[in-house]
Amino acid sequence: MGRRINADGVQPCMPEFRRGEMNINVLREEYPVARKDHNCSACEWIREDMRDFTFAELREIVIAKRNGWKIKKGQKYIKQINICDGDFGVYKAIPEIHDICIEHDMFEN
């Protein structure tokens, strides 16, 4: 099996992998600065599944909640271009909230 190249001629930054029942292929990951407010996809996972978080994690969650669960203008965020089960998608998240979701395996549910 050779290297996979996307339509832009760029090799995906991560190999294809499985999360739960979804097959997700990350084509590109960037860390831009927001020019406007965006919804935070990772915040949706946090809001649906409140767990026993550390004090430091709770501080980040409180900040996200005070900001209306949004990536605010001027804030650096994670932007992933994905193909999930054949469908194109864009994932945008606050890096600290994304890290909390990864640490607690929240994307697997």
C-alpha atoms as a PDB file:
ATOM      1  CA  MET A   1       0.000   0.000   0.000  1.00  0.00           C
ATOM      2  CA  GLY A   2       1.506   3.334  -1.095  1.00  0.00           C
ATOM      3  CA  ARG A   3       1.326   6.807   0.409  1.00  0.00           C
ATOM      4  CA  ARG A   4      -2.102   8.428   0.390  1.00  0.00           C
ATOM      5  CA  ILE A   5      -2.268  11.890  -1.162  1.00  0.00           C
ATOM      6  CA  ASN A   6      -5.361  14.085  -0.863  1.00  0.00           C
ATOM      7  CA  ALA A   7      -6.827  16.300  -3.606  1.00  0.00           C
ATOM      8  CA  ASP A   8      -4.454  19.153  -2.699  1.00  0.00           C
ATOM      9  CA  GLY A   9      -1.438  16.884  -3.211  1.00  0.00           C
ATOM     10  CA  VAL A  10      -0.732  16.801   0.538  1.00  0.00           C
ATOM     11  CA  GLN A  11      -0.063  13.640   2.500  1.00  0.00           C
ATOM     12  CA  PRO A  12      -2.484  13.292   5.437  1.00  0.00           C
ATOM     13  CA  CYS A  13      -0.905  14.259   8.757  1.00  0.00           C
ATOM     14  CA  MET A  14      -2.330  11.196  10.496  1.00  0.00           C
ATOM     15  CA  PRO A  15      -3.048   7.684   9.235  1.00  0.00           C
ATOM     16  CA  GLU A  16      -6.552   6.382   8.917  1.00  0.00           C
ATOM     17  CA  PHE A  17      -7.829   5.036  12.228  1.00  0.00           C
ATOM     18  CA  ARG A  18     -11.040   3.976  13.934  1.00  0.00           C
ATOM     19  CA  ARG A  19     -12.815   5.819  16.741  1.00  0.00           C
ATOM     20  CA  GLY A  20     -15.711   3.874  18.121  1.00  0.00           C
ATOM     21  CA  GLU A  21     -17.774   2.873  15.093  1.00  0.00           C
ATOM     22  CA  MET A  22     -16.631   5.816  12.952  1.00  0.00           C
ATOM     23  CA  ASN A  23     -13.793   5.577  10.458  1.00  0.00           C
ATOM     24  CA  ILE A  24     -12.001   8.971  10.580  1.00  0.00           C
ATOM     25  CA  ASN A  25      -9.190  10.036   8.274  1.00  0.00           C
ATOM     26  CA  VAL A  26      -7.583  13.364   9.227  1.00  0.00           C
ATOM     27  CA  LEU A  27      -6.462  15.025   6.000  1.00  0.00           C
ATOM     28  CA  ARG A  28      -5.050  18.198   7.500  1.00  0.00           C
ATOM     29  CA  GLU A  29      -4.577  19.742  10.936  1.00  0.00           C
ATOM     30  CA  GLU A  30      -3.925  23.454  11.428  1.00  0.00           C
ATOM     31  CA  TYR A  31      -3.690  25.870  14.363  1.00  0.00           C
ATOM     32  CA  PRO A  32      -5.089  29.177  13.054  1.00  0.00           C
ATOM     33  CA  VAL A  33      -6.149  32.266  14.980  1.00  0.00           C
ATOM     34  CA  ALA A  34      -9.917  32.830  14.823  1.00  0.00           C
ATOM     35  CA  ARG A  35     -11.055  35.824  12.770  1.00  0.00           C
ATOM     36  CA  LYS A  36     -14.584  35.342  14.113  1.00  0.00           C
ATOM     37  CA  ASP A  37     -16.329  33.250  16.770  1.00  0.00           C
ATOM     38  CA  HIS A  38     -16.755  29.525  16.018  1.00  0.00           C
ATOM     39  CA  ASN A  39     -18.560  26.684  17.750  1.00  0.00           C
ATOM     40  CA  CYS A  40     -16.177  24.370  19.615  1.00  0.00           C
ATOM     41  CA  SER A  41     -16.782  20.734  18.621  1.00  0.00           C
ATOM     42  CA  ALA A  42     -14.871  19.388  21.648  1.00  0.00           C
ATOM     43  CA  CYS A  43     -17.116  21.397  23.982  1.00  0.00           C
ATOM     44  CA  GLU A  44     -20.093  19.345  22.786  1.00  0.00           C
ATOM     45  CA  TRP A  45     -18.382  16.197  24.075  1.00  0.00           C
ATOM     46  CA  ILE A  46     -17.619  17.851  27.430  1.00  0.00           C
ATOM     47  CA  ARG A  47     -21.189  19.093  27.864  1.00  0.00           C
ATOM     48  CA  GLU A  48     -22.640  15.649  27.138  1.00  0.00           C
ATOM     49  CA  ASP A  49     -20.350  13.725  29.468  1.00  0.00           C
ATOM     50  CA  MET A  50     -19.252  15.568  32.615  1.00  0.00           C
ATOM     51  CA  ARG A  51     -16.733  13.384  34.451  1.00  0.00           C
ATOM     52  CA  ASP A  52     -14.393  13.691  37.408  1.00  0.00           C
ATOM     53  CA  PHE A  53     -12.041  16.331  36.044  1.00  0.00           C
ATOM     54  CA  THR A  54      -8.971  17.750  37.748  1.00  0.00           C
ATOM     55  CA  PHE A  55      -9.077  21.284  39.116  1.00  0.00           C
ATOM     56  CA  ALA A  56      -6.915  22.517  36.200  1.00  0.00           C
ATOM     57  CA  GLU A  57      -9.271  20.875  33.686  1.00  0.00           C
ATOM     58  CA  LEU A  58     -12.308  22.378  35.403  1.00  0.00           C
ATOM     59  CA  ARG A  59     -10.718  25.838  35.103  1.00  0.00           C
ATOM     60  CA  GLU A  60     -10.455  25.394  31.317  1.00  0.00           C
ATOM     61  CA  ILE A  61     -14.032  24.085  31.148  1.00  0.00           C
ATOM     62  CA  VAL A  62     -15.324  27.083  33.131  1.00  0.00           C
ATOM     63  CA  ILE A  63     -13.524  29.467  30.748  1.00  0.00           C
ATOM     64  CA  ALA A  64     -15.092  27.697  27.758  1.00  0.00           C
ATOM     65  CA  LYS A  65     -18.536  27.825  29.388  1.00  0.00           C
ATOM     66  CA  ARG A  66     -18.180  31.561  30.156  1.00  0.00           C
ATOM     67  CA  ASN A  67     -17.351  32.085  26.475  1.00  0.00           C
ATOM     68  CA  GLY A  68     -20.587  30.344  25.484  1.00  0.00           C
ATOM     69  CA  TRP A  69     -18.721  27.165  24.473  1.00  0.00           C
ATOM     70  CA  LYS A  70     -17.277  29.140  21.558  1.00  0.00           C
ATOM     71  CA  ILE A  71     -13.849  29.711  20.092  1.00  0.00           C
ATOM     72  CA  LYS A  72     -13.570  33.487  20.444  1.00  0.00           C
ATOM     73  CA  LYS A  73     -12.191  35.903  17.873  1.00  0.00           C
ATOM     74  CA  GLY A  74      -8.399  36.190  18.299  1.00  0.00           C
ATOM     75  CA  GLN A  75      -8.092  32.797  20.043  1.00  0.00           C
ATOM     76  CA  LYS A  76      -5.829  30.071  18.604  1.00  0.00           C
ATOM     77  CA  TYR A  77      -7.749  26.856  17.860  1.00  0.00           C
ATOM     78  CA  ILE A  78      -7.405  23.410  16.294  1.00  0.00           C
ATOM     79  CA  LYS A  79      -8.870  22.978  12.825  1.00  0.00           C
ATOM     80  CA  GLN A  80      -8.976  19.516  11.264  1.00  0.00           C
ATOM     81  CA  ILE A  81     -10.175  18.635   7.789  1.00  0.00           C
ATOM     82  CA  ASN A  82     -11.572  15.086   8.046  1.00  0.00           C
ATOM     83  CA  ILE A  83     -13.269  12.389   6.066  1.00  0.00           C
ATOM     84  CA  CYS A  84     -15.566  10.428   8.377  1.00  0.00           C
ATOM     85  CA  ASP A  85     -17.162   7.305   6.903  1.00  0.00           C
ATOM     86  CA  GLY A  86     -16.881   8.871   3.443  1.00  0.00           C
ATOM     87  CA  ASP A  87     -18.278  12.275   4.443  1.00  0.00           C
ATOM     88  CA  PHE A  88     -16.171  15.457   4.419  1.00  0.00           C
ATOM     89  CA  GLY A  89     -16.109  17.406   7.698  1.00  0.00           C
ATOM     90  CA  VAL A  90     -14.344  20.183   9.561  1.00  0.00           C
ATOM     91  CA  TYR A  91     -13.581  19.882  13.277  1.00  0.00           C
ATOM     92  CA  LYS A  92     -12.782  23.072  15.213  1.00  0.00           C
ATOM     93  CA  ALA A  93     -11.882  23.031  18.896  1.00  0.00           C
ATOM     94  CA  ILE A  94     -10.300  24.960  21.732  1.00  0.00           C
ATOM     95  CA  PRO A  95      -6.907  23.201  22.197  1.00  0.00           C
ATOM     96  CA  GLU A  96      -7.239  22.860  25.990  1.00  0.00           C
ATOM     97  CA  ILE A  97     -10.738  21.362  25.711  1.00  0.00           C
ATOM     98  CA  HIS A  98      -9.600  19.054  22.910  1.00  0.00           C
ATOM     99  CA  ASP A  99      -6.732  17.850  25.134  1.00  0.00           C
ATOM    100  CA  ILE A 100      -9.172  17.144  27.989  1.00  0.00           C
ATOM    101  CA  CYS A 101     -11.323  15.039  25.637  1.00  0.00           C
ATOM    102  CA  ILE A 102      -8.250  13.097  24.473  1.00  0.00           C
ATOM    103  CA  GLU A 103      -7.026  12.583  28.069  1.00  0.00           C
ATOM    104  CA  HIS A 104     -10.410  11.141  29.124  1.00  0.00           C
ATOM    105  CA  ASP A 105     -11.025   9.102  25.927  1.00  0.00           C
ATOM    106  CA  MET A 106     -14.240  11.011  25.353  1.00  0.00           C
ATOM    107  CA  PHE A 107     -14.139  10.671  21.562  1.00  0.00           C
ATOM    108  CA  GLU A 108     -14.378   6.898  21.839  1.00  0.00           C
ATOM    109  CA  ASN A 109     -17.923   6.898  23.203  1.00  0.00           C
END
